Amino acid sequence: MQDIPIINFAELDRATTRRALDRACREWGFFHLTGATIDRELTTGMQAAMHNFFALSSAQKLTVERRADNPWGFYDRELTRNVRDWKEIFDVGPDITADGLQGTQAQWPDEAVLPQLLGFRSTLLAFSVACEAVALRLLQAISENLSMPAQYLNSCFDTAHTSFLRLNYYPPCADPAPADAPNIPAHGHLGINRHTDSGALTVLLQDMQPGLQVLHDNRWHLIQPRVDALVINIGDIVQVWSNDRYCAPLHRVLANVSASRYSVPYFCNPSYTTVYAPLAGVCDAANPPLYRPISWGAFRAARSAGDYADQGEEVQISHYRIIAT
């Protein structure tokens, strides 16, 4: 079985590695990232903190339940493309709102009341910082591959960037959709239904229970976990920046009848004030821009609204595509 490419983080300065990164982004949109990217002690602590949180009772987790007016916290009824997922999540992100004002604050379980969560907050914050460094270094290499200066995209990810960390728990499911189910399964549940990530990059730490699938060559391909690697995928913003040179991959997560699965994605997102469009390095007279400029603040707000209830068709970058006349 084919596996997604492997990119060595420690060798991103090499032209051969950047060419391999370019191929991975063009052909898969997913890759394993090796090269001691995040300290092993921190990843082990992150896994333990996540297990301890989801082992809490429902009542304890609901004390930090997220709401429509505060996107940070615990939730167990999320929709993806208007379909209920088989998962529980805990999100933590910045206090900046779409209008640029200080607003909602992350919700944290009380470690004084829940001693099994001692160090939970500090571990998640440290892991977020480590993921941010990985994501921004990868974006520099991607910027170069798109014929732009390495630092060109940095201004989109200043101190007001909207990246966030999510803890995922996929409990056993009595009626999982089969691994070869079509894009919309005829029966059964998925851990997460098919989707592309709306941001720039996703940095994923997962356990050794397989479940993540990517649509490749019109077939769902299971990504086998590696103990020595993170999993990276590009999102919609990189697709727009690249003018479709890179396509954000459609992916989903299987449910399992007997096994639980845990993962930690870090969604690298720009500031709400960012307006993104195809980069000058990939556009010319023969390759005109394929997308109108997109406001990240408006796009993210519309996408988030659909997490709670069926809001009709979920907003996609395809809604901003320029139709040739």
Protein backbone atom coordinates (compact mmCIF):
# COMPACT_ATOMS: atom_id res chain seq x y z
CA MET A 1 0.00 0.00 0.00
CA GLN A 2 1.26 3.46 -0.88
CA ASP A 3 2.15 5.73 2.01
CA ILE A 4 2.27 9.50 2.12
CA PRO A 5 5.69 11.11 1.55
CA ILE A 6 8.24 11.67 4.32
CA ILE A 7 9.86 15.09 4.74
CA ASN A 8 12.83 15.67 7.06
CA PHE A 9 12.26 18.89 9.00
CA ALA A 10 15.96 19.18 9.83
CA GLU A 11 16.83 19.36 6.11
CA LEU A 12 14.39 22.02 4.88
CA ASP A 13 17.30 24.27 3.93
CA ARG A 14 18.33 21.75 1.26
CA ALA A 15 17.04 22.26 -2.28
CA THR A 16 16.36 18.53 -2.64
CA THR A 17 14.14 18.57 0.46
CA ARG A 18 12.21 21.61 -0.75
CA ARG A 19 11.63 19.86 -4.10
CA ALA A 20 10.36 16.81 -2.20
CA LEU A 21 8.07 19.12 -0.18
CA ASP A 22 6.77 20.63 -3.42
CA ARG A 23 5.95 17.16 -4.79
CA ALA A 24 4.26 16.16 -1.53
CA CYS A 25 2.07 19.26 -1.61
CA ARG A 26 1.20 18.80 -5.30
CA GLU A 27 0.55 15.07 -5.24
CA TRP A 28 -0.87 14.38 -1.77
CA GLY A 29 -1.31 17.51 0.34
CA PHE A 30 -0.22 15.27 3.23
CA PHE A 31 3.19 14.15 4.46
CA HIS A 32 4.95 12.67 7.46
CA LEU A 33 7.36 15.10 9.10
CA THR A 34 10.41 13.56 10.75
CA GLY A 35 13.59 15.10 12.13
CA ALA A 36 13.06 15.68 15.87
CA THR A 37 10.52 18.45 15.28
CA ILE A 38 9.06 18.49 18.83
CA ASP A 39 10.71 17.19 21.99
CA ARG A 40 9.61 13.62 22.76
CA GLU A 41 9.03 14.41 26.44
CA LEU A 42 6.59 17.14 25.45
CA THR A 43 4.66 14.92 23.02
CA THR A 44 4.45 12.19 25.67
CA GLY A 45 3.15 14.73 28.20
CA MET A 46 0.64 16.00 25.65
CA GLN A 47 -0.73 12.50 25.06
CA ALA A 48 -1.04 11.89 28.81
CA ALA A 49 -2.80 15.24 29.39
CA MET A 50 -5.29 14.45 26.64
CA HIS A 51 -6.10 10.98 27.99
CA ASN A 52 -6.59 12.40 31.48
CA PHE A 53 -8.97 15.09 30.24
CA PHE A 54 -11.24 12.80 28.23
CA ALA A 55 -11.30 10.30 31.12
CA LEU A 56 -13.21 12.89 33.18
CA SER A 57 -16.92 12.40 33.71
CA SER A 58 -19.33 14.09 31.32
CA ALA A 59 -20.36 16.50 34.07
CA GLN A 60 -16.74 17.50 34.69
CA LYS A 61 -16.05 18.08 30.99
CA LEU A 62 -19.23 20.09 30.57
CA THR A 63 -18.00 22.65 33.10
CA VAL A 64 -15.80 23.95 30.24
CA GLU A 65 -18.27 23.40 27.40
CA ARG A 66 -17.82 25.72 24.44
CA ARG A 67 -20.72 27.83 23.20
CA ALA A 68 -21.67 29.79 20.11
CA ASP A 69 -20.35 32.96 21.80
CA ASN A 70 -17.11 31.25 22.95
CA PRO A 71 -15.49 28.73 20.60
CA TRP A 72 -12.97 27.46 23.16
CA GLY A 73 -13.62 24.47 25.39
CA PHE A 74 -15.19 21.00 25.34
CA TYR A 75 -17.79 19.89 22.79
CA ASP A 76 -19.28 16.54 21.79
CA ARG A 77 -21.86 17.39 19.13
CA GLU A 78 -19.81 18.95 16.32
CA LEU A 79 -20.91 18.79 12.70
CA THR A 80 -18.63 18.55 9.68
CA ARG A 81 -20.26 19.47 6.38
CA ASN A 82 -23.59 19.38 8.20
CA VAL A 83 -23.12 15.80 9.44
CA ARG A 84 -22.62 14.83 13.11
CA ASP A 85 -19.15 13.49 13.92
CA TRP A 86 -18.41 10.58 16.28
CA LYS A 87 -15.96 12.40 18.54
CA GLU A 88 -15.35 14.63 21.53
CA ILE A 89 -13.07 17.66 21.33
CA PHE A 90 -11.39 20.28 23.48
CA ASP A 91 -10.29 23.51 21.75
CA VAL A 92 -7.99 26.22 23.04
CA GLY A 93 -7.09 29.33 21.07
CA PRO A 94 -6.46 33.09 21.17
CA ASP A 95 -8.64 35.75 22.77
CA ILE A 96 -8.90 37.83 19.59
CA THR A 97 -12.32 38.09 17.95
CA ALA A 98 -13.12 38.49 14.25
CA ASP A 99 -13.41 42.26 14.64
CA GLY A 100 -9.91 42.44 16.13
CA LEU A 101 -11.04 43.13 19.69
CA GLN A 102 -10.18 41.25 22.83
CA GLY A 103 -13.05 38.89 23.39
CA THR A 104 -13.59 35.29 24.36
CA GLN A 105 -11.08 33.61 26.62
CA ALA A 106 -9.95 30.01 26.68
CA GLN A 107 -11.72 27.84 29.24
CA TRP A 108 -9.53 25.65 31.43
CA PRO A 109 -10.57 22.87 33.81
CA ASP A 110 -9.80 23.66 37.42
CA GLU A 111 -6.57 21.79 38.22
CA ALA A 112 -7.02 22.51 41.93
CA VAL A 113 -10.29 20.55 41.90
CA LEU A 114 -9.07 17.94 39.38
CA PRO A 115 -5.56 16.93 40.51
CA GLN A 116 -5.36 14.34 37.70
CA LEU A 117 -5.09 17.33 35.36
CA LEU A 118 -2.16 18.96 37.15
CA GLY A 119 -0.06 20.63 34.45
CA PHE A 120 -2.80 20.34 31.80
CA ARG A 121 -2.81 24.03 30.89
CA SER A 122 0.97 24.48 30.82
CA THR A 123 1.41 21.34 28.69
CA LEU A 124 -1.12 22.45 26.08
CA LEU A 125 0.35 25.95 25.88
CA ALA A 126 3.91 24.62 25.51
CA PHE A 127 2.80 22.18 22.82
CA SER A 128 1.01 24.97 20.93
CA VAL A 129 4.20 27.06 20.91
CA ALA A 130 6.19 24.09 19.57
CA CYS A 131 3.63 23.43 16.83
CA GLU A 132 3.62 27.09 15.84
CA ALA A 133 7.37 27.02 15.26
CA VAL A 134 7.06 23.91 13.07
CA ALA A 135 4.18 25.36 11.03
CA LEU A 136 5.82 28.72 10.39
CA ARG A 137 9.08 27.09 9.26
CA LEU A 138 7.15 24.89 6.83
CA LEU A 139 5.29 27.93 5.49
CA GLN A 140 8.63 29.62 4.80
CA ALA A 141 9.68 26.65 2.68
CA ILE A 142 6.31 26.62 0.91
CA SER A 143 6.61 30.35 0.22
CA GLU A 144 9.97 29.74 -1.46
CA ASN A 145 8.47 26.90 -3.51
CA LEU A 146 5.82 29.34 -4.73
CA SER A 147 8.54 31.74 -5.96
CA MET A 148 8.16 34.18 -3.09
CA PRO A 149 10.65 35.26 -0.38
CA ALA A 150 10.81 32.85 2.57
CA GLN A 151 9.58 35.53 5.00
CA TYR A 152 6.81 36.81 2.73
CA LEU A 153 3.90 35.17 4.57
CA ASN A 154 5.13 35.95 8.09
CA SER A 155 3.05 39.12 8.41
CA CYS A 156 -0.12 37.02 8.20
CA PHE A 157 0.92 35.19 11.37
CA ASP A 158 1.83 38.01 13.73
CA THR A 159 0.87 38.16 17.39
CA ALA A 160 -2.82 38.35 16.40
CA HIS A 161 -2.85 35.09 14.44
CA THR A 162 -5.83 32.80 15.09
CA SER A 163 -4.15 29.38 15.23
CA PHE A 164 -5.61 26.98 17.75
CA LEU A 165 -5.01 23.58 19.33
CA ARG A 166 -7.62 20.83 19.40
CA LEU A 167 -7.72 17.60 21.38
CA ASN A 168 -9.72 14.83 19.65
CA TYR A 169 -11.16 11.73 21.29
CA TYR A 170 -12.88 9.11 19.14
CA PRO A 171 -14.69 6.65 21.43
CA PRO A 172 -15.66 3.14 20.29
CA CYS A 173 -18.66 3.17 17.98
CA ALA A 174 -21.23 0.38 17.69
CA ASP A 175 -22.00 1.29 14.07
CA PRO A 176 -18.88 2.58 12.26
CA ALA A 177 -18.92 3.32 8.55
CA PRO A 178 -16.69 0.87 6.63
CA ALA A 179 -13.21 1.94 5.56
CA ASP A 180 -14.19 1.75 1.90
CA ALA A 181 -17.38 3.75 2.34
CA PRO A 182 -18.04 6.40 -0.32
CA ASN A 183 -17.57 10.10 0.42
CA ILE A 184 -21.00 10.14 2.03
CA PRO A 185 -21.45 6.73 3.70
CA ALA A 186 -24.76 4.98 3.10
CA HIS A 187 -24.75 3.85 6.74
CA GLY A 188 -22.64 4.03 9.86
CA HIS A 189 -20.71 6.82 11.56
CA LEU A 190 -17.40 8.51 10.85
CA GLY A 191 -15.13 10.02 13.50
CA ILE A 192 -14.93 13.12 11.30
CA ASN A 193 -16.75 13.42 8.02
CA ARG A 194 -15.00 14.39 4.81
CA HIS A 195 -13.61 17.92 4.70
CA THR A 196 -10.64 20.11 3.86
CA ASP A 197 -9.04 22.25 6.55
CA SER A 198 -9.93 25.92 6.13
CA GLY A 199 -6.63 27.36 7.39
CA ALA A 200 -3.04 27.29 6.12
CA LEU A 201 -1.43 24.18 7.63
CA THR A 202 -2.35 21.49 10.16
CA VAL A 203 0.28 19.89 12.39
CA LEU A 204 -1.02 16.59 13.79
CA LEU A 205 0.16 14.42 16.66
CA GLN A 206 -1.72 11.12 16.70
CA ASP A 207 -1.57 7.87 18.62
CA MET A 208 -0.83 4.52 16.98
CA GLN A 209 -4.47 3.63 16.31
CA PRO A 210 -5.04 4.07 12.52
CA GLY A 211 -8.08 6.05 11.45
CA LEU A 212 -7.06 9.07 9.35
CA GLN A 213 -7.86 8.72 5.64
CA VAL A 214 -7.02 10.98 2.69
CA LEU A 215 -8.73 10.88 -0.71
CA HIS A 216 -5.96 10.15 -3.23
CA ASP A 217 -6.51 9.13 -6.86
CA ASN A 218 -10.25 8.92 -6.08
CA ARG A 219 -9.71 6.30 -3.36
CA TRP A 220 -9.68 6.63 0.42
CA HIS A 221 -6.18 5.89 1.64
CA LEU A 222 -5.44 5.05 5.29
CA ILE A 223 -2.48 6.98 6.72
CA GLN A 224 -0.49 4.61 8.91
CA PRO A 225 0.76 6.28 12.11
CA ARG A 226 4.52 6.54 12.69
CA VAL A 227 5.95 6.84 16.17
CA ASP A 228 8.77 9.10 14.90
CA ALA A 229 6.70 11.56 12.88
CA LEU A 230 4.06 14.24 12.91
CA VAL A 231 1.49 14.34 10.10
CA ILE A 232 1.16 17.58 8.12
CA ASN A 233 -1.53 18.62 5.68
CA ILE A 234 -2.07 21.81 3.75
CA GLY A 235 -5.33 23.72 3.99
CA ASP A 236 -7.53 25.90 1.83
CA ILE A 237 -5.43 29.04 2.32
CA VAL A 238 -2.33 27.39 0.85
CA GLN A 239 -4.45 26.16 -2.06
CA VAL A 240 -5.54 29.74 -2.76
CA TRP A 241 -2.00 31.13 -2.31
CA SER A 242 -0.69 28.52 -4.75
CA ASN A 243 -3.45 29.24 -7.31
CA ASP A 244 -4.34 25.52 -7.27
CA ARG A 245 -0.77 24.30 -7.72
CA TYR A 246 -1.39 22.64 -4.37
CA CYS A 247 -4.87 21.37 -3.54
CA ALA A 248 -6.07 21.06 0.05
CA PRO A 249 -6.71 17.33 0.47
CA LEU A 250 -10.12 15.93 1.29
CA HIS A 251 -9.76 13.79 4.41
CA ARG A 252 -11.82 12.08 7.11
CA VAL A 253 -11.44 9.91 10.22
CA LEU A 254 -12.87 6.42 10.64
CA ALA A 255 -14.76 5.31 13.73
CA ASN A 256 -13.89 1.94 15.27
CA VAL A 257 -16.18 -0.62 16.85
CA SER A 258 -13.78 -1.54 19.68
CA ALA A 259 -10.77 0.81 19.79
CA SER A 260 -10.49 4.41 20.93
CA ARG A 261 -8.33 6.91 19.08
CA TYR A 262 -6.73 10.18 20.21
CA SER A 263 -5.12 12.97 18.20
CA VAL A 264 -3.94 16.56 18.61
CA PRO A 265 -4.19 18.83 15.56
CA TYR A 266 -2.74 22.34 15.62
CA PHE A 267 -4.50 24.49 13.04
CA CYS A 268 -2.14 27.20 11.78
CA ASN A 269 -4.40 30.13 10.86
CA PRO A 270 -3.59 33.77 10.00
CA SER A 271 -4.86 36.90 11.72
CA TYR A 272 -8.53 37.74 11.20
CA THR A 273 -7.52 40.85 9.24
CA THR A 274 -5.69 38.77 6.62
CA VAL A 275 -7.04 38.91 3.10
CA TYR A 276 -5.57 36.13 0.99
CA ALA A 277 -5.43 35.60 -2.75
CA PRO A 278 -3.16 33.82 -5.27
CA LEU A 279 0.47 34.92 -4.81
CA ALA A 280 2.29 36.95 -7.45
CA GLY A 281 4.92 34.22 -7.72
CA VAL A 282 2.44 31.77 -9.26
CA CYS A 283 0.43 34.17 -11.43
CA ASP A 284 1.24 35.63 -14.82
CA ALA A 285 -0.48 36.25 -18.14
CA ALA A 286 -0.68 32.52 -18.82
CA ASN A 287 -1.79 31.71 -15.24
CA PRO A 288 -4.24 34.36 -14.06
CA PRO A 289 -5.59 34.30 -10.50
CA LEU A 290 -8.27 31.67 -9.98
CA TYR A 291 -9.73 33.18 -6.79
CA ARG A 292 -11.08 36.51 -5.65
CA PRO A 293 -9.49 37.89 -2.46
CA ILE A 294 -10.91 36.22 0.66
CA SER A 295 -11.25 37.77 4.12
CA TRP A 296 -10.13 35.21 6.66
CA GLY A 297 -12.23 36.79 9.43
CA ALA A 298 -15.47 36.53 7.43
CA PHE A 299 -14.63 33.08 6.04
CA ARG A 300 -13.76 31.61 9.45
CA ALA A 301 -16.87 33.05 11.09
CA ALA A 302 -19.10 31.49 8.44
CA ARG A 303 -17.34 28.12 8.70
CA SER A 304 -17.53 28.09 12.52
CA ALA A 305 -21.28 28.72 12.51
CA GLY A 306 -21.80 25.40 10.78
CA ASP A 307 -20.06 23.49 13.59
CA TYR A 308 -23.11 23.82 15.81
CA ALA A 309 -26.09 23.27 13.52
CA ASP A 310 -27.01 22.72 9.89
CA GLN A 311 -26.64 26.22 8.43
CA GLY A 312 -27.19 25.10 4.85
CA GLU A 313 -24.28 24.74 2.44
CA GLU A 314 -20.96 25.13 4.28
CA VAL A 315 -18.82 27.98 2.93
CA GLN A 316 -15.89 26.79 0.78
CA ILE A 317 -13.12 28.50 -1.16
CA SER A 318 -14.94 27.33 -4.31
CA HIS A 319 -17.48 30.09 -3.60
CA TYR A 320 -14.66 32.59 -4.30
CA ARG A 321 -13.44 30.96 -7.49
CA ILE A 322 -13.31 33.23 -10.55
CA ILE A 323 -15.53 31.85 -13.30
CA ALA A 324 -14.08 32.41 -16.76
CA THR A 325 -16.40 34.24 -19.14
